[in-house]
Amino acid sequence: MDVFETMRTCRAIRRLRPDPIPPALLTRVLEAATWAPSGGNRQPWRFLVVTEPRLKAALRDLYLPTWRAYREQRGRLAAELPAERRRRAERGLAAGDHLATHLNEAPAIVVVCARLKDLMITDAQLGRPSVVGGASIYPAVQNLLLACRAVGLGAVLTTLLCLHEPEVRTLLDIPEGWATCAHVPIGWPAGTGYGPVERKPLAALTFADRWGTPLLP
């Protein structure tokens, strides 16, 4: 696919069929993830591909109650939105419900891990939550999502299971010194699948030279 079209239509796919993914195809999208940049080219990521039914069920059991608590909060906020935005939010929450309930049915769940000592966290001393460390990890996750889109696989970036890192580390034998950064279920899209993403217009997101000075007319 054209790279711009791939990005423009790379929706979060939360409804996945349980049909298996050919190993060569899964290897292809994972290799694309490894082409991402990272600070100092340290490549601090590892991709733990979970396909064993027992392990996927255990991840689902951890994810589901956390999603339900998150959903309750988001549902209250959605109820206050204007009608059209509320309908879109409710569709997204319904898709999230499906994912949480059927997470174990995804053919593969990719647990993205990072070696903490290899992250170049240049904003660690600024007195606010660090965001820079993720720059060495999440480009690889985005590569994975875009590669899935390009070959027709569905995927979505999730982070709720990071709240259960100790349990996930024990379940999957992840050693100390490694953090869980994302959990990406992958499979074939069910239903309509991909389509144009909904985002704020560029004019609302860009400035020229100084904050607040419009870049675009």
Protein backbone atom coordinates (compact mmCIF):
# COMPACT_ATOMS: atom_id res chain seq x y z
CA MET A 1 0.00 0.00 0.00
CA ASP A 2 0.95 3.63 -0.43
CA VAL A 3 2.40 4.72 2.91
CA PHE A 4 0.13 7.76 3.20
CA GLU A 5 -2.96 5.67 2.52
CA THR A 6 -1.76 3.11 5.07
CA MET A 7 -1.49 5.79 7.75
CA ARG A 8 -4.75 7.48 6.75
CA THR A 9 -6.74 4.25 7.14
CA CYS A 10 -4.92 2.60 10.06
CA ARG A 11 -7.81 2.37 12.47
CA ALA A 12 -7.63 0.58 15.81
CA ILE A 13 -9.16 -2.85 15.10
CA ARG A 14 -10.71 -4.35 18.23
CA ARG A 15 -12.94 -6.98 16.62
CA LEU A 16 -10.75 -9.84 15.43
CA ARG A 17 -11.49 -13.26 13.99
CA PRO A 18 -9.82 -16.25 15.66
CA ASP A 19 -8.48 -17.56 12.31
CA PRO A 20 -4.76 -18.35 12.53
CA ILE A 21 -2.12 -16.04 11.07
CA PRO A 22 0.39 -17.70 8.72
CA PRO A 23 3.74 -17.75 10.55
CA ALA A 24 5.54 -16.10 7.63
CA LEU A 25 3.09 -13.19 7.69
CA LEU A 26 3.44 -12.72 11.43
CA THR A 27 7.21 -12.77 11.06
CA ARG A 28 6.97 -10.16 8.31
CA VAL A 29 5.07 -7.60 10.40
CA LEU A 30 7.30 -8.19 13.43
CA GLU A 31 10.38 -7.61 11.32
CA ALA A 32 8.89 -4.31 10.17
CA ALA A 33 8.60 -3.33 13.83
CA THR A 34 12.35 -3.83 14.29
CA TRP A 35 13.11 -1.25 11.58
CA ALA A 36 11.95 1.59 13.84
CA PRO A 37 14.44 4.14 15.22
CA SER A 38 15.49 4.23 18.87
CA GLY A 39 17.72 6.43 21.01
CA GLY A 40 21.37 5.61 20.30
CA ASN A 41 20.11 2.79 18.05
CA ARG A 42 19.99 0.65 21.18
CA GLN A 43 16.84 -1.15 20.04
CA PRO A 44 15.67 -1.75 23.62
CA TRP A 45 12.54 -3.61 22.60
CA ARG A 46 11.60 -7.26 22.68
CA PHE A 47 8.41 -8.71 21.23
CA LEU A 48 6.92 -11.59 23.20
CA VAL A 49 4.34 -13.27 20.95
CA VAL A 50 1.72 -15.07 23.03
CA THR A 51 -0.27 -17.75 21.20
CA GLU A 52 -0.76 -20.43 23.87
CA PRO A 53 -4.48 -20.55 24.76
CA ARG A 54 -3.87 -20.84 28.51
CA LEU A 55 -1.62 -17.79 28.56
CA LYS A 56 -3.98 -15.73 26.39
CA ALA A 57 -6.86 -16.61 28.71
CA ALA A 58 -4.81 -15.51 31.72
CA LEU A 59 -4.07 -12.17 30.04
CA ARG A 60 -7.78 -11.76 29.27
CA ASP A 61 -8.65 -12.43 32.91
CA LEU A 62 -6.28 -9.67 34.00
CA TYR A 63 -7.45 -7.26 31.31
CA LEU A 64 -11.21 -7.61 31.62
CA PRO A 65 -11.84 -6.14 35.11
CA THR A 66 -9.40 -3.31 34.42
CA TRP A 67 -11.23 -2.50 31.18
CA ARG A 68 -14.58 -2.51 32.95
CA ALA A 69 -13.38 0.04 35.49
CA TYR A 70 -11.93 2.20 32.71
CA ARG A 71 -15.09 1.81 30.65
CA GLU A 72 -17.30 2.98 33.50
CA GLN A 73 -15.32 6.19 33.74
CA ARG A 74 -15.25 6.75 29.96
CA GLY A 75 -18.95 5.96 29.72
CA ARG A 76 -19.80 8.74 32.15
CA LEU A 77 -17.75 11.20 30.11
CA ALA A 78 -19.31 10.02 26.84
CA ALA A 79 -22.80 10.62 28.20
CA GLU A 80 -22.00 14.34 28.47
CA LEU A 81 -20.94 14.72 24.81
CA PRO A 82 -23.09 16.15 22.00
CA ALA A 83 -25.21 13.53 20.24
CA GLU A 84 -22.94 12.69 17.26
CA ARG A 85 -19.75 12.59 19.32
CA ARG A 86 -21.57 10.52 21.94
CA ARG A 87 -22.59 7.96 19.31
CA ARG A 88 -18.99 7.68 18.09
CA ALA A 89 -17.71 7.30 21.64
CA GLU A 90 -20.29 4.63 22.40
CA ARG A 91 -19.29 2.70 19.27
CA GLY A 92 -15.69 2.78 20.42
CA LEU A 93 -16.63 1.60 23.89
CA ALA A 94 -18.68 -1.26 22.43
CA ALA A 95 -15.67 -2.33 20.37
CA GLY A 96 -13.58 -2.15 23.52
CA ASP A 97 -16.10 -4.36 25.30
CA HIS A 98 -15.75 -6.93 22.54
CA LEU A 99 -11.96 -6.87 22.70
CA ALA A 100 -11.90 -7.22 26.48
CA THR A 101 -14.28 -10.17 26.43
CA HIS A 102 -12.63 -11.93 23.48
CA LEU A 103 -8.98 -10.95 23.99
CA ASN A 104 -7.99 -14.58 24.39
CA GLU A 105 -9.45 -15.40 20.96
CA ALA A 106 -6.97 -13.17 19.11
CA PRO A 107 -4.55 -15.46 17.25
CA ALA A 108 -1.59 -13.60 18.76
CA ILE A 109 -1.03 -11.05 21.52
CA VAL A 110 2.29 -9.27 21.15
CA VAL A 111 3.64 -8.11 24.50
CA VAL A 112 6.08 -5.27 23.82
CA CYS A 113 8.83 -5.06 26.43
CA ALA A 114 11.61 -2.51 26.95
CA ARG A 115 14.94 -2.87 28.70
CA LEU A 116 14.89 0.06 31.08
CA LYS A 117 18.65 0.62 31.22
CA ASP A 118 18.75 1.10 27.45
CA LEU A 119 16.18 3.90 27.35
CA MET A 120 17.61 7.38 26.82
CA ILE A 121 15.32 9.34 29.16
CA THR A 122 16.56 12.90 28.64
CA ASP A 123 13.58 14.47 30.43
CA ALA A 124 13.92 12.48 33.66
CA GLN A 125 14.91 15.54 35.75
CA LEU A 126 12.22 17.98 34.59
CA GLY A 127 9.88 17.41 37.52
CA ARG A 128 7.03 16.02 35.43
CA PRO A 129 6.11 12.55 34.13
CA SER A 130 8.68 11.44 31.58
CA VAL A 131 7.58 10.96 27.99
CA VAL A 132 10.93 10.81 26.19
CA GLY A 133 11.70 7.22 27.14
CA GLY A 134 8.76 6.08 25.04
CA ALA A 135 10.41 7.55 21.95
CA SER A 136 12.65 4.48 21.83
CA ILE A 137 9.69 2.08 22.03
CA TYR A 138 6.48 3.36 20.48
CA PRO A 139 7.83 4.00 16.97
CA ALA A 140 8.39 0.23 16.84
CA VAL A 141 4.80 -0.34 17.97
CA GLN A 142 3.54 2.04 15.29
CA ASN A 143 5.63 0.22 12.68
CA LEU A 144 3.92 -2.99 13.78
CA LEU A 145 0.45 -1.44 13.48
CA LEU A 146 1.18 0.03 10.04
CA ALA A 147 2.67 -3.25 8.80
CA CYS A 148 -0.45 -5.09 9.96
CA ARG A 149 -2.59 -2.57 8.09
CA ALA A 150 -0.53 -2.94 4.93
CA VAL A 151 -0.98 -6.74 4.81
CA GLY A 152 -4.63 -6.74 5.90
CA LEU A 153 -4.22 -7.84 9.51
CA GLY A 154 -6.07 -6.04 12.30
CA ALA A 155 -4.32 -4.77 15.42
CA VAL A 156 -4.71 -2.29 18.25
CA LEU A 157 -2.33 -0.76 20.78
CA THR A 158 -3.47 -1.42 24.36
CA THR A 159 -1.77 -0.47 27.63
CA LEU A 160 -4.21 -1.42 30.40
CA LEU A 161 -2.32 -4.63 31.12
CA CYS A 162 0.72 -2.54 32.01
CA LEU A 163 -1.10 -1.92 35.30
CA HIS A 164 -0.62 -5.64 35.97
CA GLU A 165 3.06 -5.78 35.07
CA PRO A 166 4.11 -7.91 38.07
CA GLU A 167 1.50 -10.55 37.25
CA VAL A 168 2.32 -10.47 33.53
CA ARG A 169 6.03 -10.73 34.27
CA THR A 170 5.44 -13.84 36.38
CA LEU A 171 3.03 -15.37 33.87
CA LEU A 172 5.37 -14.94 30.90
CA ASP A 173 8.75 -15.32 32.67
CA ILE A 174 9.80 -11.74 31.84
CA PRO A 175 13.06 -10.99 33.69
CA GLU A 176 13.69 -8.06 36.01
CA GLY A 177 14.91 -4.94 34.29
CA TRP A 178 12.32 -5.22 31.55
CA ALA A 179 9.11 -3.18 31.47
CA THR A 180 5.91 -3.99 29.62
CA CYS A 181 4.98 -1.10 27.31
CA ALA A 182 2.10 -2.35 25.20
CA HIS A 183 0.00 -5.38 24.40
CA VAL A 184 -1.02 -5.66 20.76
CA PRO A 185 -3.65 -8.27 19.82
CA ILE A 186 -3.33 -9.20 16.14
CA GLY A 187 -5.72 -11.07 13.88
CA TRP A 188 -7.91 -10.79 10.83
CA PRO A 189 -10.47 -7.96 11.10
CA ALA A 190 -14.08 -8.94 11.71
CA GLY A 191 -16.73 -6.75 10.13
CA THR A 192 -15.81 -3.66 8.14
CA GLY A 193 -12.29 -3.38 9.52
CA TYR A 194 -10.14 -0.52 8.27
CA GLY A 195 -11.24 2.85 6.96
CA PRO A 196 -10.40 6.57 7.17
CA VAL A 197 -9.43 7.67 10.67
CA GLU A 198 -11.20 10.54 12.45
CA ARG A 199 -8.78 13.21 13.65
CA LYS A 200 -8.75 16.92 14.42
CA PRO A 201 -7.90 19.12 11.41
CA LEU A 202 -4.26 20.01 10.85
CA ALA A 203 -4.98 23.73 11.31
CA ALA A 204 -6.03 23.05 14.92
CA LEU A 205 -2.81 21.20 15.71
CA THR A 206 -0.03 23.30 14.18
CA PHE A 207 1.62 26.63 14.92
CA ALA A 208 4.19 28.81 13.14
CA ASP A 209 7.28 29.96 15.06
CA ARG A 210 5.38 30.70 18.29
CA TRP A 211 2.64 28.86 20.17
CA GLY A 212 -0.75 30.11 19.08
CA THR A 213 0.37 31.58 15.75
CA PRO A 214 -1.49 29.64 13.04
CA LEU A 215 0.63 27.80 10.51
CA LEU A 216 -2.26 27.48 8.09
CA PRO A 217 -4.86 30.07 7.10
